[in-house]
Amino acid sequence: MSAEEFREKTDVSRETLERLVAYAALLRRWNKAVNLVGPSTIRDLWARHMLDSAQLLPLAPPDAKDWFDLGSGAGFPGLVVAILALEAAPDLRVTLVESDRRKAAFLLEAARAAGVSVQVKAERLEDLPDACADVVSARALAPLKDLLLWSGRLLRPEGVALFPKGRQGREELDAASGVWPFAPEILPSRVDPESMILRFRTGGST
């Protein structure tokens, strides 16, 4: 997928696409020195990472104010969400949580290159305050059971957790049975028909 094909699928503005292109260019340069994404996946950056991240923003509550992305790494999905939110949800504040200081430094540089304001926290998840987020996201960070334990502490009432999962998603759901009090929504991925997005709500699944 090219940048233009990404734009056709997401209907983002030309300005938003330019911000994403600047971010992608910096990512390709940094990835040679810092292992941000796998070399095999960076060749399919726009579908594998950009589109996979972009599909999360419409799944958040429209009145969400604070989005915490856990283990942001190269900025997926959090930095993509922040870039898209400049136009789609301008009141949304995005915090990227990344304990690896080299990756946190990259996130700061990438945010500057894209012209987007985010908060980068180079700290452990355990050090985050309780009930600080309306939305929590994480991608390829940890098993679902751990993600749910962290999210339960971080989310405010009526908050939402969004977790893209691959083909192992249903197995992780089985392993995490009983951790979350409400049934999740299992939503289709726009990138891979065998993948899914798990949406958990603190107020239930309806």
N, C-alpha and C. Protein backbone atom coordinates (compact mmCIF):
# COMPACT_ATOMS: atom_id res chain seq x y z
N MET A 1 0.84 -1.19 0.00
CA MET A 1 0.00 0.00 0.00
C MET A 1 0.88 1.25 0.00
N SER A 2 0.53 2.19 -0.82
CA SER A 2 1.25 3.47 -0.88
C SER A 2 0.56 4.49 0.03
N ALA A 3 1.21 5.65 0.20
CA ALA A 3 0.61 6.72 0.99
C ALA A 3 -0.70 7.19 0.36
N GLU A 4 -0.74 7.28 -0.94
CA GLU A 4 -1.96 7.72 -1.62
C GLU A 4 -3.08 6.70 -1.46
N GLU A 5 -2.74 5.42 -1.50
CA GLU A 5 -3.76 4.39 -1.28
C GLU A 5 -4.29 4.44 0.15
N PHE A 6 -3.39 4.74 1.09
CA PHE A 6 -3.82 4.93 2.47
C PHE A 6 -4.82 6.08 2.55
N ARG A 7 -4.53 7.17 1.87
CA ARG A 7 -5.43 8.33 1.90
C ARG A 7 -6.80 8.00 1.32
N GLU A 8 -6.81 7.21 0.26
CA GLU A 8 -8.09 6.82 -0.33
C GLU A 8 -8.92 5.98 0.63
N LYS A 9 -8.26 5.11 1.38
CA LYS A 9 -8.99 4.23 2.30
C LYS A 9 -9.48 4.96 3.54
N THR A 10 -8.76 5.97 3.96
CA THR A 10 -9.10 6.66 5.21
C THR A 10 -9.76 8.01 5.00
N ASP A 11 -9.66 8.56 3.80
CA ASP A 11 -10.25 9.86 3.48
C ASP A 11 -9.68 10.98 4.34
N VAL A 12 -8.40 10.88 4.67
CA VAL A 12 -7.77 11.97 5.43
C VAL A 12 -7.43 13.11 4.48
N SER A 13 -7.22 14.28 5.04
CA SER A 13 -6.89 15.44 4.23
C SER A 13 -5.46 15.35 3.71
N ARG A 14 -5.17 16.18 2.73
CA ARG A 14 -3.80 16.23 2.20
C ARG A 14 -2.82 16.66 3.29
N GLU A 15 -3.21 17.59 4.14
CA GLU A 15 -2.32 18.05 5.21
C GLU A 15 -2.02 16.93 6.20
N THR A 16 -3.06 16.17 6.56
CA THR A 16 -2.84 15.04 7.46
C THR A 16 -1.91 14.01 6.83
N LEU A 17 -2.10 13.74 5.56
CA LEU A 17 -1.22 12.78 4.89
C LEU A 17 0.22 13.27 4.90
N GLU A 18 0.44 14.56 4.69
CA GLU A 18 1.79 15.10 4.71
C GLU A 18 2.44 14.92 6.08
N ARG A 19 1.66 15.07 7.13
CA ARG A 19 2.19 14.84 8.48
C ARG A 19 2.60 13.38 8.66
N LEU A 20 1.77 12.47 8.16
CA LEU A 20 2.08 11.04 8.26
C LEU A 20 3.30 10.68 7.42
N VAL A 21 3.43 11.30 6.26
CA VAL A 21 4.58 11.03 5.40
C VAL A 21 5.87 11.49 6.08
N ALA A 22 5.83 12.65 6.74
CA ALA A 22 7.01 13.14 7.46
C ALA A 22 7.39 12.17 8.60
N TYR A 23 6.40 11.70 9.29
CA TYR A 23 6.60 10.70 10.36
C TYR A 23 7.19 9.42 9.80
N ALA A 24 6.65 8.94 8.69
CA ALA A 24 7.13 7.70 8.08
C ALA A 24 8.59 7.83 7.63
N ALA A 25 8.94 8.99 7.08
CA ALA A 25 10.31 9.20 6.61
C ALA A 25 11.29 9.15 7.78
N LEU A 26 10.93 9.77 8.90
CA LEU A 26 11.80 9.74 10.07
C LEU A 26 11.91 8.33 10.63
N LEU A 27 10.81 7.61 10.63
CA LEU A 27 10.81 6.24 11.12
C LEU A 27 11.78 5.37 10.32
N ARG A 28 11.74 5.51 9.02
CA ARG A 28 12.64 4.71 8.17
C ARG A 28 14.10 5.03 8.47
N ARG A 29 14.42 6.30 8.76
CA ARG A 29 15.80 6.67 9.07
C ARG A 29 16.23 6.12 10.43
N TRP A 30 15.39 6.30 11.42
CA TRP A 30 15.74 5.86 12.77
C TRP A 30 15.79 4.35 12.88
N ASN A 31 15.00 3.66 12.07
CA ASN A 31 14.92 2.22 12.22
C ASN A 31 16.23 1.52 11.90
N LYS A 32 17.11 2.22 11.18
CA LYS A 32 18.41 1.64 10.87
C LYS A 32 19.30 1.55 12.11
N ALA A 33 19.03 2.42 13.08
CA ALA A 33 19.86 2.44 14.30
C ALA A 33 19.13 1.92 15.53
N VAL A 34 17.82 2.14 15.58
CA VAL A 34 17.00 1.73 16.72
C VAL A 34 15.94 0.78 16.20
N ASN A 35 15.82 -0.37 16.81
CA ASN A 35 14.86 -1.37 16.35
C ASN A 35 13.45 -0.95 16.73
N LEU A 36 12.81 -0.18 15.86
CA LEU A 36 11.46 0.31 16.13
C LEU A 36 10.39 -0.63 15.60
N VAL A 37 10.55 -1.07 14.35
CA VAL A 37 9.65 -2.08 13.76
C VAL A 37 10.50 -3.08 13.01
N GLY A 38 9.97 -4.27 12.80
CA GLY A 38 10.70 -5.30 12.10
C GLY A 38 11.01 -4.92 10.66
N PRO A 39 12.19 -5.24 10.17
CA PRO A 39 12.56 -4.89 8.79
C PRO A 39 11.58 -5.44 7.75
N SER A 40 10.99 -6.59 8.02
CA SER A 40 10.07 -7.17 7.05
C SER A 40 8.75 -6.40 7.00
N THR A 41 8.35 -5.77 8.13
CA THR A 41 7.07 -5.07 8.14
C THR A 41 7.19 -3.63 7.67
N ILE A 42 8.39 -3.05 7.76
CA ILE A 42 8.52 -1.65 7.34
C ILE A 42 8.34 -1.51 5.83
N ARG A 43 8.53 -2.60 5.11
CA ARG A 43 8.30 -2.55 3.66
C ARG A 43 6.82 -2.38 3.34
N ASP A 44 5.97 -2.76 4.28
CA ASP A 44 4.52 -2.58 4.10
C ASP A 44 4.00 -1.63 5.16
N LEU A 45 4.73 -0.52 5.36
CA LEU A 45 4.47 0.41 6.45
C LEU A 45 3.04 0.96 6.44
N TRP A 46 2.53 1.33 5.27
CA TRP A 46 1.25 2.03 5.21
C TRP A 46 0.07 1.13 5.54
N ALA A 47 0.12 -0.13 5.17
CA ALA A 47 -0.97 -1.04 5.53
C ALA A 47 -0.73 -1.66 6.90
N ARG A 48 0.46 -2.21 7.10
CA ARG A 48 0.75 -3.01 8.29
C ARG A 48 0.75 -2.17 9.57
N HIS A 49 1.16 -0.92 9.46
CA HIS A 49 1.28 -0.09 10.66
C HIS A 49 0.36 1.14 10.64
N MET A 50 0.40 1.92 9.56
CA MET A 50 -0.38 3.15 9.52
C MET A 50 -1.89 2.88 9.50
N LEU A 51 -2.35 2.05 8.57
CA LEU A 51 -3.79 1.77 8.49
C LEU A 51 -4.26 0.98 9.71
N ASP A 52 -3.45 0.04 10.17
CA ASP A 52 -3.80 -0.74 11.34
C ASP A 52 -4.01 0.16 12.55
N SER A 53 -3.24 1.23 12.64
CA SER A 53 -3.37 2.18 13.75
C SER A 53 -4.54 3.14 13.53
N ALA A 54 -4.69 3.62 12.30
CA ALA A 54 -5.72 4.62 12.00
C ALA A 54 -7.12 4.11 12.25
N GLN A 55 -7.34 2.81 12.10
CA GLN A 55 -8.69 2.27 12.26
C GLN A 55 -9.20 2.34 13.70
N LEU A 56 -8.33 2.66 14.66
CA LEU A 56 -8.76 2.71 16.05
C LEU A 56 -9.48 4.00 16.42
N LEU A 57 -9.11 5.12 15.82
CA LEU A 57 -9.67 6.41 16.24
C LEU A 57 -11.20 6.44 16.17
N PRO A 58 -11.83 5.96 15.10
CA PRO A 58 -13.30 6.01 15.06
C PRO A 58 -13.98 5.12 16.10
N LEU A 59 -13.24 4.23 16.74
CA LEU A 59 -13.82 3.32 17.72
C LEU A 59 -13.83 3.89 19.13
N ALA A 60 -13.23 5.06 19.30
CA ALA A 60 -13.17 5.71 20.62
C ALA A 60 -14.45 6.51 20.86
N PRO A 61 -14.81 6.74 22.12
CA PRO A 61 -15.97 7.60 22.41
C PRO A 61 -15.75 8.99 21.81
N PRO A 62 -16.77 9.57 21.20
CA PRO A 62 -16.59 10.88 20.55
C PRO A 62 -16.24 12.00 21.51
N ASP A 63 -16.55 11.82 22.80
CA ASP A 63 -16.25 12.87 23.78
C ASP A 63 -14.98 12.57 24.58
N ALA A 64 -14.20 11.60 24.15
CA ALA A 64 -12.96 11.27 24.86
C ALA A 64 -12.00 12.45 24.87
N LYS A 65 -11.35 12.65 25.99
CA LYS A 65 -10.40 13.77 26.12
C LYS A 65 -8.95 13.29 26.29
N ASP A 66 -8.75 12.14 26.96
CA ASP A 66 -7.39 11.67 27.24
C ASP A 66 -7.22 10.24 26.74
N TRP A 67 -6.29 10.08 25.80
CA TRP A 67 -5.98 8.77 25.21
C TRP A 67 -4.56 8.40 25.62
N PHE A 68 -4.41 7.27 26.29
CA PHE A 68 -3.10 6.77 26.70
C PHE A 68 -2.76 5.55 25.85
N ASP A 69 -1.65 5.63 25.14
CA ASP A 69 -1.16 4.52 24.34
C ASP A 69 0.00 3.87 25.08
N LEU A 70 -0.17 2.62 25.43
CA LEU A 70 0.81 1.93 26.27
C LEU A 70 1.85 1.20 25.41
N GLY A 71 3.12 1.35 25.79
CA GLY A 71 4.18 0.70 25.03
C GLY A 71 4.22 1.19 23.60
N SER A 72 4.25 2.50 23.41
CA SER A 72 4.07 3.09 22.07
C SER A 72 5.14 2.69 21.07
N GLY A 73 6.37 2.46 21.54
CA GLY A 73 7.41 2.00 20.63
C GLY A 73 7.68 2.95 19.49
N ALA A 74 7.31 2.55 18.28
CA ALA A 74 7.51 3.39 17.09
C ALA A 74 6.39 4.40 16.89
N GLY A 75 5.38 4.36 17.77
CA GLY A 75 4.27 5.31 17.66
C GLY A 75 2.97 4.71 17.17
N PHE A 76 2.91 3.38 17.15
CA PHE A 76 1.69 2.71 16.69
C PHE A 76 0.97 2.08 17.87
N PRO A 77 -0.30 2.40 18.07
CA PRO A 77 -1.11 3.29 17.24
C PRO A 77 -1.12 4.75 17.67
N GLY A 78 -0.53 5.06 18.83
CA GLY A 78 -0.75 6.36 19.46
C GLY A 78 -0.41 7.58 18.64
N LEU A 79 0.76 7.59 17.99
CA LEU A 79 1.14 8.78 17.25
C LEU A 79 0.29 8.95 15.99
N VAL A 80 -0.08 7.86 15.36
CA VAL A 80 -0.99 7.95 14.21
C VAL A 80 -2.33 8.51 14.66
N VAL A 81 -2.84 8.04 15.78
CA VAL A 81 -4.09 8.56 16.33
C VAL A 81 -3.97 10.06 16.58
N ALA A 82 -2.87 10.50 17.17
CA ALA A 82 -2.69 11.92 17.47
C ALA A 82 -2.68 12.76 16.20
N ILE A 83 -2.04 12.27 15.15
CA ILE A 83 -1.98 13.01 13.89
C ILE A 83 -3.37 13.12 13.28
N LEU A 84 -4.09 12.02 13.24
CA LEU A 84 -5.44 12.06 12.68
C LEU A 84 -6.38 12.91 13.52
N ALA A 85 -6.16 12.92 14.83
CA ALA A 85 -7.05 13.65 15.72
C ALA A 85 -6.93 15.16 15.58
N LEU A 86 -5.83 15.65 15.03
CA LEU A 86 -5.70 17.09 14.83
C LEU A 86 -6.90 17.66 14.11
N GLU A 87 -7.42 16.93 13.14
CA GLU A 87 -8.60 17.38 12.40
C GLU A 87 -9.87 16.67 12.87
N ALA A 88 -9.77 15.36 13.15
CA ALA A 88 -10.97 14.57 13.45
C ALA A 88 -11.46 14.74 14.88
N ALA A 89 -10.55 15.00 15.83
CA ALA A 89 -10.92 15.13 17.24
C ALA A 89 -9.96 16.09 17.91
N PRO A 90 -10.05 17.39 17.61
CA PRO A 90 -9.04 18.36 18.06
C PRO A 90 -8.92 18.52 19.56
N ASP A 91 -9.93 18.10 20.32
CA ASP A 91 -9.85 18.23 21.78
C ASP A 91 -9.19 17.03 22.44
N LEU A 92 -8.83 16.03 21.66
CA LEU A 92 -8.24 14.82 22.22
C LEU A 92 -6.77 15.03 22.57
N ARG A 93 -6.40 14.67 23.79
CA ARG A 93 -5.00 14.72 24.24
C ARG A 93 -4.45 13.30 24.23
N VAL A 94 -3.32 13.11 23.55
CA VAL A 94 -2.73 11.78 23.41
C VAL A 94 -1.43 11.72 24.20
N THR A 95 -1.31 10.69 25.03
CA THR A 95 -0.10 10.45 25.80
C THR A 95 0.51 9.13 25.34
N LEU A 96 1.78 9.18 24.97
CA LEU A 96 2.51 8.00 24.52
C LEU A 96 3.39 7.52 25.67
N VAL A 97 3.16 6.30 26.12
CA VAL A 97 3.90 5.75 27.26
C VAL A 97 4.92 4.74 26.73
N GLU A 98 6.19 5.06 26.93
CA GLU A 98 7.26 4.20 26.40
C GLU A 98 8.45 4.26 27.34
N SER A 99 8.72 3.15 28.03
CA SER A 99 9.78 3.14 29.04
C SER A 99 11.19 3.10 28.44
N ASP A 100 11.32 2.64 27.20
CA ASP A 100 12.62 2.62 26.53
C ASP A 100 12.97 4.05 26.11
N ARG A 101 14.03 4.58 26.68
CA ARG A 101 14.32 6.01 26.48
C ARG A 101 14.73 6.32 25.04
N ARG A 102 15.34 5.38 24.33
CA ARG A 102 15.68 5.63 22.93
C ARG A 102 14.41 5.74 22.09
N LYS A 103 13.46 4.86 22.37
CA LYS A 103 12.20 4.93 21.64
C LYS A 103 11.40 6.17 22.03
N ALA A 104 11.47 6.54 23.30
CA ALA A 104 10.79 7.76 23.74
C ALA A 104 11.39 8.98 23.04
N ALA A 105 12.71 8.99 22.86
CA ALA A 105 13.36 10.09 22.14
C ALA A 105 12.88 10.14 20.69
N PHE A 106 12.74 8.96 20.08
CA PHE A 106 12.21 8.93 18.72
C PHE A 106 10.80 9.51 18.67
N LEU A 107 9.97 9.15 19.61
CA LEU A 107 8.59 9.63 19.60
C LEU A 107 8.53 11.15 19.68
N LEU A 108 9.39 11.75 20.48
CA LEU A 108 9.45 13.21 20.56
C LEU A 108 9.86 13.82 19.23
N GLU A 109 10.87 13.24 18.59
CA GLU A 109 11.32 13.74 17.29
C GLU A 109 10.24 13.54 16.23
N ALA A 110 9.58 12.40 16.26
CA ALA A 110 8.55 12.12 15.26
C ALA A 110 7.36 13.06 15.42
N ALA A 111 6.99 13.36 16.66
CA ALA A 111 5.90 14.30 16.89
C ALA A 111 6.26 15.69 16.36
N ARG A 112 7.51 16.09 16.55
CA ARG A 112 7.94 17.39 16.02
C ARG A 112 7.92 17.38 14.49
N ALA A 113 8.40 16.30 13.91
CA ALA A 113 8.42 16.21 12.45
C ALA A 113 7.01 16.26 11.87
N ALA A 114 6.06 15.68 12.57
CA ALA A 114 4.68 15.64 12.09
C ALA A 114 3.89 16.89 12.48
N GLY A 115 4.47 17.73 13.34
CA GLY A 115 3.78 18.94 13.76
C GLY A 115 2.58 18.67 14.64
N VAL A 116 2.72 17.70 15.55
CA VAL A 116 1.61 17.34 16.42
C VAL A 116 2.07 17.40 17.87
N SER A 117 1.16 17.80 18.74
CA SER A 117 1.48 17.91 20.16
C SER A 117 1.03 16.64 20.88
N VAL A 118 1.98 15.95 21.49
CA VAL A 118 1.67 14.78 22.31
C VAL A 118 2.50 14.87 23.59
N GLN A 119 2.10 14.12 24.58
CA GLN A 119 2.92 13.97 25.78
C GLN A 119 3.58 12.61 25.72
N VAL A 120 4.89 12.57 25.92
CA VAL A 120 5.63 11.32 25.94
C VAL A 120 6.08 11.05 27.36
N LYS A 121 5.67 9.91 27.89
CA LYS A 121 6.06 9.53 29.25
C LYS A 121 7.02 8.36 29.18
N ALA A 122 8.28 8.60 29.51
CA ALA A 122 9.30 7.54 29.50
C ALA A 122 9.33 6.93 30.90
N GLU A 123 8.27 6.21 31.22
CA GLU A 123 8.16 5.63 32.55
C GLU A 123 7.43 4.30 32.49
N ARG A 124 7.44 3.59 33.59
CA ARG A 124 6.78 2.29 33.67
C ARG A 124 5.27 2.47 33.82
N LEU A 125 4.53 1.50 33.34
CA LEU A 125 3.07 1.58 33.43
C LEU A 125 2.61 1.66 34.88
N GLU A 126 3.36 0.98 35.76
CA GLU A 126 2.98 0.98 37.17
C GLU A 126 3.03 2.37 37.79
N ASP A 127 3.78 3.29 37.17
CA ASP A 127 3.93 4.63 37.73
C ASP A 127 2.87 5.61 37.24
N LEU A 128 2.00 5.19 36.32
CA LEU A 128 0.94 6.06 35.82
C LEU A 128 -0.14 6.21 36.89
N PRO A 129 -0.80 7.38 36.95
CA PRO A 129 -1.85 7.57 37.95
C PRO A 129 -3.11 6.77 37.62
N ASP A 130 -3.87 6.46 38.63
CA ASP A 130 -5.15 5.77 38.43
C ASP A 130 -6.14 6.68 37.70
N ALA A 131 -7.05 6.06 36.95
CA ALA A 131 -8.18 6.76 36.32
C ALA A 131 -7.73 8.01 35.56
N CYS A 132 -6.71 7.86 34.73
CA CYS A 132 -6.17 9.01 34.01
C CYS A 132 -6.62 9.07 32.56
N ALA A 133 -7.31 8.03 32.07
CA ALA A 133 -7.56 7.91 30.63
C ALA A 133 -9.03 7.63 30.33
N ASP A 134 -9.50 8.22 29.22
CA ASP A 134 -10.79 7.87 28.65
C ASP A 134 -10.64 6.71 27.66
N VAL A 135 -9.46 6.62 27.06
CA VAL A 135 -9.15 5.54 26.13
C VAL A 135 -7.75 5.02 26.44
N VAL A 136 -7.62 3.71 26.45
CA VAL A 136 -6.32 3.06 26.55
C VAL A 136 -6.16 2.18 25.32
N SER A 137 -4.99 2.25 24.69
CA SER A 137 -4.69 1.37 23.56
C SER A 137 -3.33 0.73 23.76
N ALA A 138 -3.13 -0.38 23.11
CA ALA A 138 -1.82 -1.05 23.11
C ALA A 138 -1.80 -1.99 21.93
N ARG A 139 -0.64 -2.08 21.31
CA ARG A 139 -0.49 -2.91 20.12
C ARG A 139 0.81 -3.70 20.25
N ALA A 140 0.70 -5.02 20.23
CA ALA A 140 1.87 -5.90 20.30
C ALA A 140 2.71 -5.61 21.55
N LEU A 141 2.05 -5.38 22.67
CA LEU A 141 2.77 -5.06 23.90
C LEU A 141 2.84 -6.24 24.86
N ALA A 142 1.69 -6.86 25.11
CA ALA A 142 1.62 -7.89 26.14
C ALA A 142 0.39 -8.76 25.91
N PRO A 143 0.31 -9.91 26.58
CA PRO A 143 -0.91 -10.72 26.50
C PRO A 143 -2.12 -9.93 26.99
N LEU A 144 -3.28 -10.30 26.48
CA LEU A 144 -4.51 -9.58 26.79
C LEU A 144 -4.78 -9.52 28.29
N LYS A 145 -4.49 -10.59 29.01
CA LYS A 145 -4.76 -10.60 30.44
C LYS A 145 -4.04 -9.46 31.15
N ASP A 146 -2.78 -9.24 30.80
CA ASP A 146 -2.02 -8.15 31.41
C ASP A 146 -2.57 -6.79 30.99
N LEU A 147 -2.92 -6.65 29.71
CA LEU A 147 -3.47 -5.39 29.22
C LEU A 147 -4.74 -5.01 29.97
N LEU A 148 -5.57 -5.99 30.24
CA LEU A 148 -6.82 -5.72 30.93
C LEU A 148 -6.59 -5.31 32.39
N LEU A 149 -5.62 -5.93 33.03
CA LEU A 149 -5.31 -5.55 34.41
C LEU A 149 -4.82 -4.10 34.48
N TRP A 150 -3.95 -3.72 33.55
CA TRP A 150 -3.47 -2.33 33.51
C TRP A 150 -4.61 -1.38 33.19
N SER A 151 -5.41 -1.72 32.20
CA SER A 151 -6.48 -0.83 31.75
C SER A 151 -7.53 -0.62 32.83
N GLY A 152 -7.83 -1.67 33.58
CA GLY A 152 -8.82 -1.52 34.64
C GLY A 152 -8.45 -0.45 35.65
N ARG A 153 -7.17 -0.28 35.87
CA ARG A 153 -6.72 0.76 36.81
C ARG A 153 -6.67 2.14 36.17
N LEU A 154 -6.31 2.19 34.89
CA LEU A 154 -6.06 3.47 34.23
C LEU A 154 -7.32 4.15 33.71
N LEU A 155 -8.33 3.37 33.37
CA LEU A 155 -9.51 3.95 32.72
C LEU A 155 -10.45 4.63 33.71
N ARG A 156 -11.04 5.72 33.25
CA ARG A 156 -12.10 6.39 33.99
C ARG A 156 -13.43 5.66 33.75
N PRO A 157 -14.47 5.98 34.53
CA PRO A 157 -15.79 5.41 34.26
C PRO A 157 -16.22 5.72 32.83
N GLU A 158 -16.84 4.76 32.19
CA GLU A 158 -17.27 4.85 30.78
C GLU A 158 -16.08 4.93 29.82
N GLY A 159 -14.91 4.50 30.28
CA GLY A 159 -13.73 4.48 29.40
C GLY A 159 -13.74 3.27 28.48
N VAL A 160 -12.83 3.30 27.52
CA VAL A 160 -12.75 2.25 26.50
C VAL A 160 -11.30 1.82 26.32
N ALA A 161 -11.09 0.52 26.24
CA ALA A 161 -9.78 -0.04 25.91
C ALA A 161 -9.86 -0.64 24.50
N LEU A 162 -8.85 -0.36 23.68
CA LEU A 162 -8.82 -0.83 22.29
C LEU A 162 -7.51 -1.59 22.06
N PHE A 163 -7.66 -2.86 21.68
CA PHE A 163 -6.49 -3.70 21.49
C PHE A 163 -6.57 -4.44 20.14
N PRO A 164 -5.76 -4.04 19.17
CA PRO A 164 -5.67 -4.84 17.94
C PRO A 164 -4.98 -6.16 18.26
N LYS A 165 -5.56 -7.24 17.77
CA LYS A 165 -4.98 -8.56 17.99
C LYS A 165 -4.99 -9.35 16.69
N GLY A 166 -3.99 -10.19 16.55
CA GLY A 166 -3.87 -11.01 15.36
C GLY A 166 -4.67 -12.29 15.48
N ARG A 167 -4.17 -13.32 14.81
CA ARG A 167 -4.92 -14.58 14.75
C ARG A 167 -5.01 -15.29 16.09
N GLN A 168 -4.19 -14.88 17.05
CA GLN A 168 -4.22 -15.50 18.37
C GLN A 168 -5.21 -14.81 19.29
N GLY A 169 -5.97 -13.86 18.77
CA GLY A 169 -6.85 -13.05 19.61
C GLY A 169 -7.85 -13.85 20.42
N ARG A 170 -8.48 -14.84 19.80
CA ARG A 170 -9.49 -15.62 20.53
C ARG A 170 -8.84 -16.48 21.62
N GLU A 171 -7.64 -16.96 21.35
CA GLU A 171 -6.93 -17.72 22.38
C GLU A 171 -6.62 -16.82 23.58
N GLU A 172 -6.24 -15.59 23.31
CA GLU A 172 -5.96 -14.65 24.40
C GLU A 172 -7.23 -14.32 25.17
N LEU A 173 -8.35 -14.22 24.45
CA LEU A 173 -9.63 -13.98 25.13
C LEU A 173 -9.95 -15.12 26.10
N ASP A 174 -9.73 -16.34 25.66
CA ASP A 174 -9.98 -17.49 26.53
C ASP A 174 -9.07 -17.45 27.76
N ALA A 175 -7.80 -17.10 27.55
CA ALA A 175 -6.84 -17.06 28.65
C ALA A 175 -7.14 -15.94 29.64
N ALA A 176 -7.80 -14.88 29.14
CA ALA A 176 -8.11 -13.73 30.00
C ALA A 176 -9.51 -13.79 30.58
N SER A 177 -10.18 -14.90 30.42
CA SER A 177 -11.56 -15.04 30.89
C SER A 177 -11.66 -14.73 32.38
N GLY A 178 -12.60 -13.86 32.74
CA GLY A 178 -12.82 -13.50 34.14
C GLY A 178 -12.06 -12.27 34.61
N VAL A 179 -11.11 -11.78 33.80
CA VAL A 179 -10.34 -10.60 34.23
C VAL A 179 -11.17 -9.33 34.09
N TRP A 180 -11.96 -9.23 33.01
CA TRP A 180 -12.78 -8.04 32.75
C TRP A 180 -14.24 -8.38 33.05
N PRO A 181 -14.98 -7.50 33.72
CA PRO A 181 -16.33 -7.86 34.15
C PRO A 181 -17.38 -7.89 33.03
N PHE A 182 -17.07 -7.31 31.87
CA PHE A 182 -18.05 -7.25 30.80
C PHE A 182 -17.51 -7.91 29.55
N ALA A 183 -18.41 -8.43 28.73
CA ALA A 183 -18.00 -9.06 27.47
C ALA A 183 -17.46 -8.01 26.51
N PRO A 184 -16.38 -8.32 25.80
CA PRO A 184 -15.83 -7.36 24.84
C PRO A 184 -16.59 -7.39 23.52
N GLU A 185 -16.38 -6.36 22.74
CA GLU A 185 -16.82 -6.38 21.35
C GLU A 185 -15.65 -6.87 20.50
N ILE A 186 -15.92 -7.78 19.61
CA ILE A 186 -14.90 -8.30 18.70
C ILE A 186 -15.17 -7.70 17.32
N LEU A 187 -14.32 -6.78 16.90
CA LEU A 187 -14.54 -6.01 15.68
C LEU A 187 -13.56 -6.45 14.60
N PRO A 188 -13.98 -6.44 13.33
CA PRO A 188 -13.09 -6.89 12.26
C PRO A 188 -11.98 -5.87 11.99
N SER A 189 -10.82 -6.37 11.64
CA SER A 189 -9.71 -5.52 11.23
C SER A 189 -9.85 -5.14 9.76
N ARG A 190 -9.48 -3.91 9.43
CA ARG A 190 -9.49 -3.47 8.04
C ARG A 190 -8.23 -3.89 7.30
N VAL A 191 -7.29 -4.46 8.02
CA VAL A 191 -6.00 -4.80 7.43
C VAL A 191 -5.89 -6.28 7.12
N ASP A 192 -6.36 -7.11 8.04
CA ASP A 192 -6.22 -8.56 7.90
C ASP A 192 -7.53 -9.22 8.30
N PRO A 193 -8.17 -9.96 7.41
CA PRO A 193 -9.46 -10.57 7.74
C PRO A 193 -9.38 -11.58 8.88
N GLU A 194 -8.19 -12.08 9.18
CA GLU A 194 -8.05 -13.03 10.28
C GLU A 194 -7.66 -12.35 11.59
N SER A 195 -7.49 -11.04 11.55
CA SER A 195 -7.18 -10.28 12.77
C SER A 195 -8.45 -9.62 13.29
N MET A 196 -8.33 -8.97 14.44
CA MET A 196 -9.50 -8.37 15.08
C MET A 196 -9.07 -7.19 15.94
N ILE A 197 -10.07 -6.42 16.35
CA ILE A 197 -9.88 -5.37 17.35
C ILE A 197 -10.80 -5.69 18.51
N LEU A 198 -10.26 -5.74 19.69
CA LEU A 198 -11.05 -6.01 20.89
C LEU A 198 -11.34 -4.68 21.58
N ARG A 199 -12.61 -4.42 21.78
CA ARG A 199 -13.02 -3.18 22.45
C ARG A 199 -13.70 -3.54 23.78
N PHE A 200 -13.12 -3.05 24.86
CA PHE A 200 -13.65 -3.27 26.21
C PHE A 200 -14.13 -1.93 26.76
N ARG A 201 -15.27 -1.95 27.41
CA ARG A 201 -15.82 -0.74 28.02
C ARG A 201 -15.94 -0.94 29.53
N THR A 202 -15.63 0.10 30.28
CA THR A 202 -15.76 0.00 31.73
C THR A 202 -17.22 0.00 32.15
N GLY A 203 -18.09 0.47 31.28
CA GLY A 203 -19.52 0.49 31.60
C GLY A 203 -20.28 -0.65 30.94
N GLY A 204 -19.61 -1.64 30.41
CA GLY A 204 -20.28 -2.76 29.74
C GLY A 204 -20.07 -2.72 28.26
N SER A 205 -20.65 -3.64 27.55
CA SER A 205 -20.40 -3.80 26.12
C SER A 205 -21.48 -3.17 25.25
N THR A 206 -22.47 -2.51 25.84
CA THR A 206 -23.53 -1.90 25.04
C THR A 206 -23.47 -0.41 25.17
